[in-house]
C-alpha atoms as a PDB file:
ATOM      1  CA  MET A   1     117.946  69.488  84.272  1.00  0.00           C
ATOM      2  CA  SER A   2     116.979  66.451  85.799  1.00  0.00           C
ATOM      3  CA  ILE A   3     113.523  65.374  86.093  1.00  0.00           C
ATOM      4  CA  ASP A   4     113.652  65.961  90.047  1.00  0.00           C
ATOM      5  CA  SER A   5     114.365  70.035  89.241  1.00  0.00           C
ATOM      6  CA  PHE A   6     110.860  69.454  87.343  1.00  0.00           C
ATOM      7  CA  ARG A   7     109.646  67.882  90.018  1.00  0.00           C
ATOM      8  CA  ILE A   8     111.021  70.775  92.843  1.00  0.00           C
ATOM      9  CA  MET A   9     109.052  73.165  90.779  1.00  0.00           C
ATOM     10  CA  ASP A  10     106.068  71.590  90.712  1.00  0.00           C
ATOM     11  CA  LYS A  11     106.110  70.471  94.204  1.00  0.00           C
ATOM     12  CA  HIS A  12     106.601  74.146  95.510  1.00  0.00           C
ATOM     13  CA  LEU A  13     104.039  75.545  92.705  1.00  0.00           C
ATOM     14  CA  LYS A  14     100.801  73.067  94.331  1.00  0.00           C
ATOM     15  CA  ALA A  15     101.971  74.291  97.779  1.00  0.00           C
ATOM     16  CA  LEU A  16     101.608  77.783  96.770  1.00  0.00           C
ATOM     17  CA  ALA A  17      98.310  77.457  95.131  1.00  0.00           C
ATOM     18  CA  PRO A  18      96.076  76.718  98.210  1.00  0.00           C
ATOM     19  CA  LYS A  19      97.712  79.482  99.953  1.00  0.00           C
ATOM     20  CA  HIS A  20      96.936  81.490  97.016  1.00  0.00           C
ATOM     21  CA  ILE A  21      93.229  80.985  96.084  1.00  0.00           C
ATOM     22  CA  ASP A  22      93.108  84.114  94.042  1.00  0.00           C
ATOM     23  CA  THR A  23      95.988  82.986  91.419  1.00  0.00           C
ATOM     24  CA  LYS A  24      95.008  80.619  89.003  1.00  0.00           C
ATOM     25  CA  PHE A  25      97.771  77.914  88.616  1.00  0.00           C
ATOM     26  CA  ILE A  26      97.847  76.023  85.643  1.00  0.00           C
ATOM     27  CA  LYS A  27     100.699  73.039  84.982  1.00  0.00           C
ATOM     28  CA  LEU A  28     101.138  71.984  81.333  1.00  0.00           C
ATOM     29  CA  ASP A  29     102.866  69.211  80.163  1.00  0.00           C
ATOM     30  CA  ALA A  30     105.557  70.191  77.189  1.00  0.00           C
ATOM     31  CA  GLU A  31     105.415  67.041  75.298  1.00  0.00           C
ATOM     32  CA  ASN A  32     101.631  67.298  75.066  1.00  0.00           C
ATOM     33  CA  ALA A  33     100.987  70.579  74.375  1.00  0.00           C
ATOM     34  CA  PRO A  34     103.191  71.461  71.460  1.00  0.00           C
ATOM     35  CA  PHE A  35     100.594  74.190  70.703  1.00  0.00           C
ATOM     36  CA  PHE A  36     101.327  76.312  73.533  1.00  0.00           C
ATOM     37  CA  VAL A  37     105.173  75.616  73.684  1.00  0.00           C
ATOM     38  CA  THR A  38     105.101  77.028  70.168  1.00  0.00           C
ATOM     39  CA  LYS A  39     103.020  79.711  70.879  1.00  0.00           C
ATOM     40  CA  LEU A  40     104.832  81.180  74.256  1.00  0.00           C
ATOM     41  CA  GLY A  41     108.187  80.659  72.639  1.00  0.00           C
ATOM     42  CA  VAL A  42     109.463  77.954  75.776  1.00  0.00           C
ATOM     43  CA  LYS A  43     112.790  76.669  74.835  1.00  0.00           C
ATOM     44  CA  THR A  44     113.725  75.372  78.319  1.00  0.00           C
ATOM     45  CA  LEU A  45     112.520  73.716  81.138  1.00  0.00           C
ATOM     46  CA  PRO A  46     110.728  74.319  83.967  1.00  0.00           C
ATOM     47  CA  CYS A  47     109.372  77.534  82.415  1.00  0.00           C
ATOM     48  CA  VAL A  48     107.078  79.263  84.734  1.00  0.00           C
ATOM     49  CA  VAL A  49     104.778  81.817  81.988  1.00  0.00           C
ATOM     50  CA  LEU A  50     103.212  84.626  84.517  1.00  0.00           C
ATOM     51  CA  PHE A  51     100.142  85.834  83.495  1.00  0.00           C
ATOM     52  CA  ARG A  52      98.233  88.851  84.268  1.00  0.00           C
ATOM     53  CA  LYS A  53      95.000  89.644  83.071  1.00  0.00           C
ATOM     54  CA  GLY A  54      95.517  86.469  80.303  1.00  0.00           C
ATOM     55  CA  ILE A  55      98.524  88.175  78.543  1.00  0.00           C
ATOM     56  CA  ALA A  56     101.896  87.203  79.194  1.00  0.00           C
ATOM     57  CA  VAL A  57     103.855  89.066  81.143  1.00  0.00           C
ATOM     58  CA  ASP A  58     106.732  87.527  82.519  1.00  0.00           C
ATOM     59  CA  ARG A  59     108.597  83.966  82.577  1.00  0.00           C
ATOM     60  CA  LEU A  60     110.513  82.236  85.467  1.00  0.00           C
ATOM     61  CA  VAL A  61     113.275  80.129  83.102  1.00  0.00           C
ATOM     62  CA  GLY A  62     114.617  77.370  84.829  1.00  0.00           C
ATOM     63  CA  PHE A  63     116.154  78.425  87.839  1.00  0.00           C
ATOM     64  CA  GLN A  64     117.668  81.690  87.134  1.00  0.00           C
ATOM     65  CA  ASP A  65     115.785  83.864  88.964  1.00  0.00           C
ATOM     66  CA  LEU A  66     115.810  81.340  92.086  1.00  0.00           C
ATOM     67  CA  GLY A  67     119.627  81.044  92.588  1.00  0.00           C
ATOM     68  CA  GLY A  68     120.594  79.419  89.549  1.00  0.00           C
ATOM     69  CA  LYS A  69     119.685  75.702  91.661  1.00  0.00           C
ATOM     70  CA  ASP A  70     116.923  73.607  92.487  1.00  0.00           C
ATOM     71  CA  ASP A  71     117.565  73.812  95.836  1.00  0.00           C
ATOM     72  CA  PHE A  72     115.604  76.954  96.307  1.00  0.00           C
ATOM     73  CA  THR A  73     112.482  77.209  99.205  1.00  0.00           C
ATOM     74  CA  ILE A  74     109.047  77.774  98.621  1.00  0.00           C
ATOM     75  CA  LYS A  75     109.495  81.081 100.326  1.00  0.00           C
ATOM     76  CA  THR A  76     112.258  81.969  98.089  1.00  0.00           C
ATOM     77  CA  LEU A  77     109.591  81.244  95.160  1.00  0.00           C
ATOM     78  CA  GLU A  78     106.713  83.110  96.891  1.00  0.00           C
ATOM     79  CA  ALA A  79     108.790  85.998  97.329  1.00  0.00           C
ATOM     80  CA  ILE A  80     109.443  86.246  93.740  1.00  0.00           C
ATOM     81  CA  LEU A  81     105.919  85.842  92.453  1.00  0.00           C
ATOM     82  CA  THR A  82     105.045  88.424  95.265  1.00  0.00           C
ATOM     83  CA  LYS A  83     107.405  90.780  93.593  1.00  0.00           C
ATOM     84  CA  LYS A  84     106.713  90.009  90.080  1.00  0.00           C
ATOM     85  CA  GLY A  85     102.980  90.815  90.819  1.00  0.00           C
ATOM     86  CA  ILE A  86     101.614  87.591  90.439  1.00  0.00           C
ATOM     87  CA  ILE A  87     100.458  86.962  93.754  1.00  0.00           C
ATOM     88  CA  SER A  88      99.550  88.884  96.657  1.00  0.00           C
ATOM     89  CA  GLU A  89     101.545  89.134  99.881  1.00  0.00           C
ATOM     90  CA  LYS A  90      99.462  87.194 102.643  1.00  0.00           C
ATOM     91  CA  LYS A  91      99.542  89.020 106.268  1.00  0.00           C
ATOM     92  CA  ASP A  92      99.145  86.074 108.059  1.00  0.00           C
ATOM     93  CA  GLU A  93     103.163  84.763 108.167  1.00  0.00           C
ATOM     94  CA  ASP A  94     102.597  81.432 110.754  1.00  0.00           C
ATOM     95  CA  ASN A  95     103.081  78.868 108.131  1.00  0.00           C
ATOM     96  CA  GLU A  96     106.721  80.905 107.661  1.00  0.00           C
ATOM     97  CA  GLU A  97     108.837  77.334 107.469  1.00  0.00           C
ATOM     98  CA  ASP A  98     110.443  75.939 103.947  1.00  0.00           C
ATOM     99  CA  GLY A  99     107.040  74.419 103.140  1.00  0.00           C
ATOM    100  CA  TYR A 100     103.320  74.454 104.184  1.00  0.00           C
ATOM    101  CA  GLU A 101     101.369  72.139 106.500  1.00  0.00           C
ATOM    102  CA  GLU A 102     100.226  69.538 103.946  1.00  0.00           C
ATOM    103  CA  ASN A 103      96.521  67.948 104.791  1.00  0.00           C
ATOM    104  CA  GLN A 104      95.227  70.047 107.250  1.00  0.00           C
ATOM    105  CA  ARG A 105      92.404  68.566 109.300  1.00  0.00           C
ATOM    106  CA  ARG A 106      89.812  69.386 111.341  1.00  0.00           C
ATOM    107  CA  THR A 107      88.491  67.032 113.753  1.00  0.00           C
ATOM    108  CA  VAL A 108      85.135  66.867 115.711  1.00  0.00           C
ATOM    109  CA  ARG A 109      85.651  65.204 119.011  1.00  0.00           C
ATOM    110  CA  SER A 110      83.819  63.098 121.062  1.00  0.00           C
ATOM    111  CA  SER A 111      83.156  61.197 123.950  1.00  0.00           C
ATOM    112  CA  VAL A 112      84.819  58.032 124.789  1.00  0.00           C
ATOM    113  CA  ASP A 113      81.964  56.867 125.969  1.00  0.00           C
ATOM    114  CA  PRO A 114      79.580  55.678 123.323  1.00  0.00           C
ATOM    115  CA  ASP A 115      76.311  55.813 125.169  1.00  0.00           C
ATOM    116  CA  SER A 116      77.016  59.158 126.434  1.00  0.00           C
ATOM    117  CA  ASP A 117      74.810  62.038 125.163  1.00  0.00           C
ATOM    118  CA  SER A 118      77.390  64.573 125.376  1.00  0.00           C
ATOM    119  CA  ASP A 119      78.757  64.552 121.743  1.00  0.00           C
END
């Protein structure tokens, strides 16, 4: 697996996290967490260990559940995590594209005239 493969999984999980605030997403660097690698029996990277109530209940090893390649979509990953009961299905599907809008910002509009009281 290439370093880009790890970045793809990381990018997709980072995109899902803000949409599923009721789920905790935690990233560990395998090289800096040998205790957890051993304790969880991680042998292939990327490895996404799925916990429910503090107990490891399932895992995504490499990309085998995601079509076998690193070109899977966020929507595919979200569907698998939903099917496995890790995230809840969202009713609002406004952002059904391959990603979610990043850096959504709200702005306050003001008058063009700086001396106006209509701000």
